[in-house]
Amino acid sequence: MYVCVCRAVTENEVHDCISSGARSAKQVRDTTGAGGDCASCVRKICAMLKRSEDLITTA
């Protein structure tokens, strides 16, 4: 599923970016382009970042 329709960035691409060390929406944007146009996907990216942080802290 697309996270960012403007830049055609998928959930998998964002997950890969987070796995590679991205810890902010800006870092995800700089790597994938997601959030660089209309920014309506930034909320979804932040939720994905939060979920990944929660998984790391509970692991």
N, C-alpha and C. Protein backbone atom coordinates (compact mmCIF):
# COMPACT_ATOMS: atom_id res chain seq x y z
N MET A 1 0.84 -1.17 0.00
CA MET A 1 0.00 0.00 0.00
C MET A 1 0.89 1.25 0.00
N TYR A 2 0.41 2.27 -0.69
CA TYR A 2 1.16 3.52 -0.74
C TYR A 2 1.00 4.33 0.55
N VAL A 3 2.11 4.84 1.02
CA VAL A 3 2.10 5.78 2.13
C VAL A 3 2.01 7.19 1.52
N CYS A 4 2.78 7.42 0.49
CA CYS A 4 2.82 8.70 -0.20
C CYS A 4 2.42 8.51 -1.65
N VAL A 5 1.25 9.00 -1.98
CA VAL A 5 0.75 8.87 -3.35
C VAL A 5 1.50 9.81 -4.28
N CYS A 6 1.83 10.99 -3.80
CA CYS A 6 2.52 11.99 -4.63
C CYS A 6 3.85 11.45 -5.19
N ARG A 7 4.58 10.74 -4.36
CA ARG A 7 5.90 10.23 -4.75
C ARG A 7 5.91 8.71 -4.95
N ALA A 8 4.73 8.08 -4.86
CA ALA A 8 4.59 6.63 -5.05
C ALA A 8 5.52 5.84 -4.12
N VAL A 9 5.53 6.21 -2.83
CA VAL A 9 6.36 5.54 -1.83
C VAL A 9 5.48 4.57 -1.05
N THR A 10 5.91 3.32 -0.98
CA THR A 10 5.12 2.27 -0.33
C THR A 10 5.49 2.12 1.15
N GLU A 11 4.62 1.40 1.86
CA GLU A 11 4.90 1.08 3.27
C GLU A 11 6.21 0.33 3.39
N ASN A 12 6.46 -0.60 2.47
CA ASN A 12 7.70 -1.38 2.54
C ASN A 12 8.93 -0.49 2.41
N GLU A 13 8.86 0.51 1.54
CA GLU A 13 9.99 1.43 1.38
C GLU A 13 10.22 2.23 2.66
N VAL A 14 9.14 2.66 3.30
CA VAL A 14 9.28 3.40 4.56
C VAL A 14 9.82 2.49 5.65
N HIS A 15 9.31 1.26 5.73
CA HIS A 15 9.82 0.30 6.73
C HIS A 15 11.31 0.04 6.50
N ASP A 16 11.72 -0.11 5.24
CA ASP A 16 13.14 -0.32 4.94
C ASP A 16 13.97 0.87 5.38
N CYS A 17 13.45 2.06 5.16
CA CYS A 17 14.14 3.28 5.56
C CYS A 17 14.31 3.33 7.07
N ILE A 18 13.24 2.99 7.79
CA ILE A 18 13.30 2.98 9.26
C ILE A 18 14.28 1.92 9.74
N SER A 19 14.26 0.76 9.10
CA SER A 19 15.20 -0.31 9.46
C SER A 19 16.65 0.10 9.23
N SER A 20 16.84 1.00 8.27
CA SER A 20 18.19 1.47 7.95
C SER A 20 18.64 2.61 8.85
N GLY A 21 17.76 3.02 9.77
CA GLY A 21 18.19 4.00 10.76
C GLY A 21 17.42 5.30 10.81
N ALA A 22 16.46 5.51 9.93
CA ALA A 22 15.68 6.75 9.97
C ALA A 22 14.90 6.81 11.28
N ARG A 23 14.95 7.97 11.94
CA ARG A 23 14.26 8.14 13.22
C ARG A 23 13.32 9.34 13.22
N SER A 24 13.17 9.99 12.06
CA SER A 24 12.27 11.14 11.96
C SER A 24 11.61 11.17 10.59
N ALA A 25 10.50 11.89 10.51
CA ALA A 25 9.81 12.03 9.22
C ALA A 25 10.72 12.75 8.22
N LYS A 26 11.53 13.68 8.70
CA LYS A 26 12.46 14.39 7.82
C LYS A 26 13.48 13.43 7.23
N GLN A 27 14.00 12.51 8.03
CA GLN A 27 14.96 11.53 7.52
C GLN A 27 14.30 10.61 6.49
N VAL A 28 13.06 10.22 6.75
CA VAL A 28 12.32 9.40 5.77
C VAL A 28 12.11 10.20 4.49
N ARG A 29 11.74 11.47 4.62
CA ARG A 29 11.54 12.33 3.45
C ARG A 29 12.83 12.48 2.65
N ASP A 30 13.93 12.70 3.34
CA ASP A 30 15.20 12.90 2.65
C ASP A 30 15.63 11.65 1.89
N THR A 31 15.27 10.48 2.40
CA THR A 31 15.66 9.23 1.76
C THR A 31 14.69 8.79 0.68
N THR A 32 13.38 8.88 0.96
CA THR A 32 12.38 8.33 0.03
C THR A 32 11.63 9.38 -0.78
N GLY A 33 11.63 10.61 -0.30
CA GLY A 33 10.84 11.66 -0.95
C GLY A 33 9.45 11.79 -0.37
N ALA A 34 9.01 10.82 0.42
CA ALA A 34 7.67 10.83 1.00
C ALA A 34 7.50 12.04 1.91
N GLY A 35 6.44 12.79 1.71
CA GLY A 35 6.18 13.98 2.52
C GLY A 35 6.76 15.24 1.93
N GLY A 36 7.38 15.14 0.78
CA GLY A 36 8.01 16.30 0.18
C GLY A 36 7.10 17.17 -0.66
N ASP A 37 5.92 16.67 -0.98
CA ASP A 37 5.00 17.45 -1.82
C ASP A 37 3.87 18.01 -0.97
N CYS A 38 2.76 17.31 -0.88
CA CYS A 38 1.59 17.85 -0.17
C CYS A 38 1.67 17.60 1.34
N ALA A 39 2.51 16.67 1.76
CA ALA A 39 2.77 16.35 3.17
C ALA A 39 1.60 15.70 3.90
N SER A 40 0.58 15.25 3.17
CA SER A 40 -0.54 14.59 3.85
C SER A 40 -0.15 13.22 4.41
N CYS A 41 0.98 12.68 3.99
CA CYS A 41 1.42 11.36 4.46
C CYS A 41 2.31 11.44 5.70
N VAL A 42 2.69 12.64 6.11
CA VAL A 42 3.62 12.79 7.23
C VAL A 42 3.04 12.17 8.50
N ARG A 43 1.75 12.31 8.70
CA ARG A 43 1.11 11.72 9.88
C ARG A 43 1.27 10.20 9.89
N LYS A 44 1.08 9.58 8.74
CA LYS A 44 1.22 8.11 8.61
C LYS A 44 2.68 7.72 8.86
N ILE A 45 3.61 8.48 8.32
CA ILE A 45 5.03 8.19 8.53
C ILE A 45 5.38 8.29 10.01
N CYS A 46 4.87 9.31 10.68
CA CYS A 46 5.12 9.48 12.13
C CYS A 46 4.55 8.31 12.91
N ALA A 47 3.38 7.83 12.52
CA ALA A 47 2.79 6.67 13.19
C ALA A 47 3.65 5.43 12.98
N MET A 48 4.19 5.27 11.79
CA MET A 48 5.06 4.12 11.51
C MET A 48 6.34 4.22 12.33
N LEU A 49 6.89 5.42 12.45
CA LEU A 49 8.09 5.63 13.28
C LEU A 49 7.80 5.30 14.74
N LYS A 50 6.66 5.75 15.23
CA LYS A 50 6.27 5.50 16.63
C LYS A 50 6.13 4.01 16.88
N ARG A 51 5.48 3.31 15.95
CA ARG A 51 5.31 1.86 16.10
C ARG A 51 6.66 1.17 16.13
N SER A 52 7.59 1.60 15.30
CA SER A 52 8.90 0.95 15.29
C SER A 52 9.64 1.22 16.59
N GLU A 53 9.50 2.44 17.14
CA GLU A 53 10.13 2.76 18.43
C GLU A 53 9.52 1.90 19.53
N ASP A 54 8.19 1.73 19.50
CA ASP A 54 7.52 0.90 20.52
C ASP A 54 8.00 -0.54 20.44
N LEU A 55 8.21 -1.05 19.23
CA LEU A 55 8.69 -2.43 19.07
C LEU A 55 10.10 -2.58 19.61
N ILE A 56 10.92 -1.57 19.39
CA ILE A 56 12.31 -1.62 19.85
C ILE A 56 12.36 -1.59 21.38
N THR A 57 11.55 -0.73 21.99
CA THR A 57 11.61 -0.59 23.45
C THR A 57 10.98 -1.78 24.18
N THR A 58 10.07 -2.51 23.53
CA THR A 58 9.45 -3.65 24.19
C THR A 58 10.16 -4.96 23.88
N ALA A 59 11.09 -4.91 22.96
CA ALA A 59 11.80 -6.15 22.56
C ALA A 59 12.87 -6.53 23.57
